Amino acid sequence: MSPSTLWWLLAGFTIVAELLTGTLYLLLLATGMAAGGAAALWGADSSSQLLLASAVGGSLVLAWHLWRRRHPKDPPASRNPDVSLDLGQTVLVEQWRPDGSATVHYRGAQWAVQLQPGQAARPGPQRIVEVLGNRLVVTPV
């Protein structure tokens, strides 16, 4: 079996592993292995193939890691104001139950309200900080 065939098989197995796990890092490493296979096709010796494969795969992994560090993930949809326009709006809670929940009239319907952990339950205006299904998580204004 030729060295280029081994490189392409390794790249293929790594792509299958990436599809099974959903890890982009494996796809980047498979790109490095494909570069090693291309080097083998061009007639490079085995040490050059290995060096090129590790340089391409390693640099892609490093670049992706640095990009992810500079661009953190968006907050979950329940706390993302770009997804839920209810975040930041205020509701009026007239009375809290002992378990830290209440019911309010908001947008023409009755909503279940839950107090954000660590906040004191006092009646009055509350700001919506999270939407969990049909329940609003609020904090005092």
Protein backbone atom coordinates (compact mmCIF):
# COMPACT_ATOMS: atom_id res chain seq x y z
CA MET A 1 0.00 0.00 0.00
CA SER A 2 1.41 3.38 -0.94
CA PRO A 3 2.03 6.11 1.67
CA SER A 4 -0.49 8.43 0.03
CA THR A 5 -3.20 5.77 0.37
CA LEU A 6 -2.42 5.45 4.09
CA TRP A 7 -2.67 9.21 4.53
CA TRP A 8 -6.02 9.35 2.73
CA LEU A 9 -7.37 6.43 4.76
CA LEU A 10 -6.28 8.13 7.99
CA ALA A 11 -7.94 11.36 6.85
CA GLY A 12 -11.12 9.45 5.98
CA PHE A 13 -11.24 7.69 9.36
CA THR A 14 -10.68 11.00 11.12
CA ILE A 15 -13.54 12.59 9.16
CA VAL A 16 -15.82 9.70 10.15
CA ALA A 17 -14.80 10.19 13.79
CA GLU A 18 -15.55 13.91 13.43
CA LEU A 19 -19.00 13.16 12.04
CA LEU A 20 -19.72 10.81 14.94
CA THR A 21 -18.52 13.22 17.63
CA GLY A 22 -19.17 16.64 16.10
CA THR A 23 -15.69 17.87 17.02
CA LEU A 24 -14.37 20.38 14.52
CA TYR A 25 -10.82 19.81 15.78
CA LEU A 26 -10.84 16.35 14.19
CA LEU A 27 -11.81 17.86 10.85
CA LEU A 28 -8.87 20.24 11.09
CA LEU A 29 -6.54 17.34 11.86
CA ALA A 30 -7.98 15.44 8.89
CA THR A 31 -7.05 18.42 6.71
CA GLY A 32 -3.49 18.05 7.95
CA MET A 33 -3.57 14.36 7.07
CA ALA A 34 -4.85 15.22 3.60
CA ALA A 35 -1.89 17.59 3.23
CA GLY A 36 0.39 14.68 4.15
CA GLY A 37 -1.33 12.58 1.49
CA ALA A 38 -0.85 15.32 -1.09
CA ALA A 39 2.83 15.53 -0.17
CA ALA A 40 3.12 11.77 -0.65
CA LEU A 41 1.54 12.08 -4.10
CA TRP A 42 4.08 14.78 -5.00
CA GLY A 43 6.92 12.41 -4.08
CA ALA A 44 8.03 13.88 -0.73
CA ASP A 45 9.86 11.57 1.66
CA SER A 46 8.12 10.25 4.78
CA SER A 47 9.64 12.79 7.19
CA SER A 48 8.52 15.68 4.96
CA GLN A 49 5.03 14.19 4.75
CA LEU A 50 4.82 13.90 8.52
CA LEU A 51 6.21 17.40 9.01
CA LEU A 52 3.74 18.93 6.56
CA ALA A 53 0.78 17.01 8.01
CA SER A 54 1.60 18.06 11.57
CA ALA A 55 2.31 21.67 10.56
CA VAL A 56 -0.95 22.07 8.64
CA GLY A 57 -3.11 20.22 11.20
CA GLY A 58 -1.45 21.87 14.20
CA SER A 59 -1.62 25.37 12.76
CA LEU A 60 -5.31 24.95 11.86
CA VAL A 61 -6.11 23.69 15.36
CA LEU A 62 -4.19 26.58 16.93
CA ALA A 63 -5.86 29.14 14.67
CA TRP A 64 -9.32 27.76 15.47
CA HIS A 65 -8.55 27.72 19.21
CA LEU A 66 -7.40 31.34 19.15
CA TRP A 67 -10.43 32.40 17.08
CA ARG A 68 -12.82 30.69 19.54
CA ARG A 69 -11.12 32.44 22.47
CA ARG A 70 -11.65 35.86 20.87
CA HIS A 71 -15.24 35.11 19.84
CA PRO A 72 -17.06 33.55 22.81
CA LYS A 73 -20.33 31.73 22.32
CA ASP A 74 -23.60 33.64 22.46
CA PRO A 75 -25.58 33.26 25.68
CA PRO A 76 -28.31 30.61 25.63
CA ALA A 77 -31.53 31.63 23.88
CA SER A 78 -33.32 31.97 27.22
CA ARG A 79 -30.96 34.83 28.19
CA ASN A 80 -30.13 36.26 24.75
CA PRO A 81 -31.86 39.61 24.05
CA ASP A 82 -31.34 39.05 20.31
CA VAL A 83 -33.62 35.99 20.51
CA SER A 84 -36.18 36.97 23.15
CA LEU A 85 -37.54 40.50 23.02
CA ASP A 86 -39.09 40.01 26.47
CA LEU A 87 -35.71 40.32 28.19
CA GLY A 88 -35.33 43.68 29.89
CA GLN A 89 -39.09 44.35 29.97
CA THR A 90 -40.79 44.98 33.30
CA VAL A 91 -43.77 43.27 34.88
CA LEU A 92 -45.69 44.13 38.02
CA VAL A 93 -45.76 41.41 40.69
CA GLU A 94 -48.47 42.13 43.23
CA GLN A 95 -47.82 39.18 45.54
CA TRP A 96 -45.19 36.47 45.83
CA ARG A 97 -45.91 32.92 46.94
CA PRO A 98 -43.71 31.40 49.68
CA ASP A 99 -41.82 29.30 47.10
CA GLY A 100 -40.64 32.42 45.21
CA SER A 101 -43.13 32.18 42.35
CA ALA A 102 -46.00 34.37 41.23
CA THR A 103 -48.43 34.92 38.37
CA VAL A 104 -48.53 38.14 36.37
CA HIS A 105 -50.51 39.54 33.47
CA TYR A 106 -48.06 40.22 30.63
CA ARG A 107 -48.69 40.66 26.89
CA GLY A 108 -52.38 39.84 27.25
CA ALA A 109 -51.90 36.52 29.07
CA GLN A 110 -51.13 35.07 32.48
CA TRP A 111 -47.48 34.13 32.95
CA ALA A 112 -45.75 32.16 35.66
CA VAL A 113 -42.97 34.20 37.25
CA GLN A 114 -39.98 32.90 39.16
CA LEU A 115 -37.61 35.04 41.20
CA GLN A 116 -33.97 34.91 40.17
CA PRO A 117 -31.94 32.99 42.79
CA GLY A 118 -30.37 35.21 45.42
CA GLN A 119 -32.96 38.01 45.09
CA ALA A 120 -35.39 39.15 47.76
CA ALA A 121 -39.07 38.56 47.02
CA ARG A 122 -40.81 41.91 47.34
CA PRO A 123 -43.89 43.06 45.44
CA GLY A 124 -43.53 45.70 42.78
CA PRO A 125 -41.97 46.12 39.36
CA GLN A 126 -39.62 43.35 38.26
CA ARG A 127 -37.27 43.15 35.26
CA ILE A 128 -37.33 40.01 33.08
CA VAL A 129 -33.82 38.49 32.93
CA GLU A 130 -34.59 35.06 31.45
CA VAL A 131 -37.44 33.21 29.73
CA LEU A 132 -37.69 29.49 30.51
CA GLY A 133 -40.49 28.06 28.39
CA ASN A 134 -43.66 29.77 29.62
CA ARG A 135 -42.02 31.02 32.81
CA LEU A 136 -40.39 34.41 33.31
CA VAL A 137 -37.36 34.73 35.59
CA VAL A 138 -37.30 38.20 37.11
CA THR A 139 -35.24 40.40 39.38
CA PRO A 140 -36.41 43.50 41.30
CA VAL A 141 -36.02 46.82 39.49
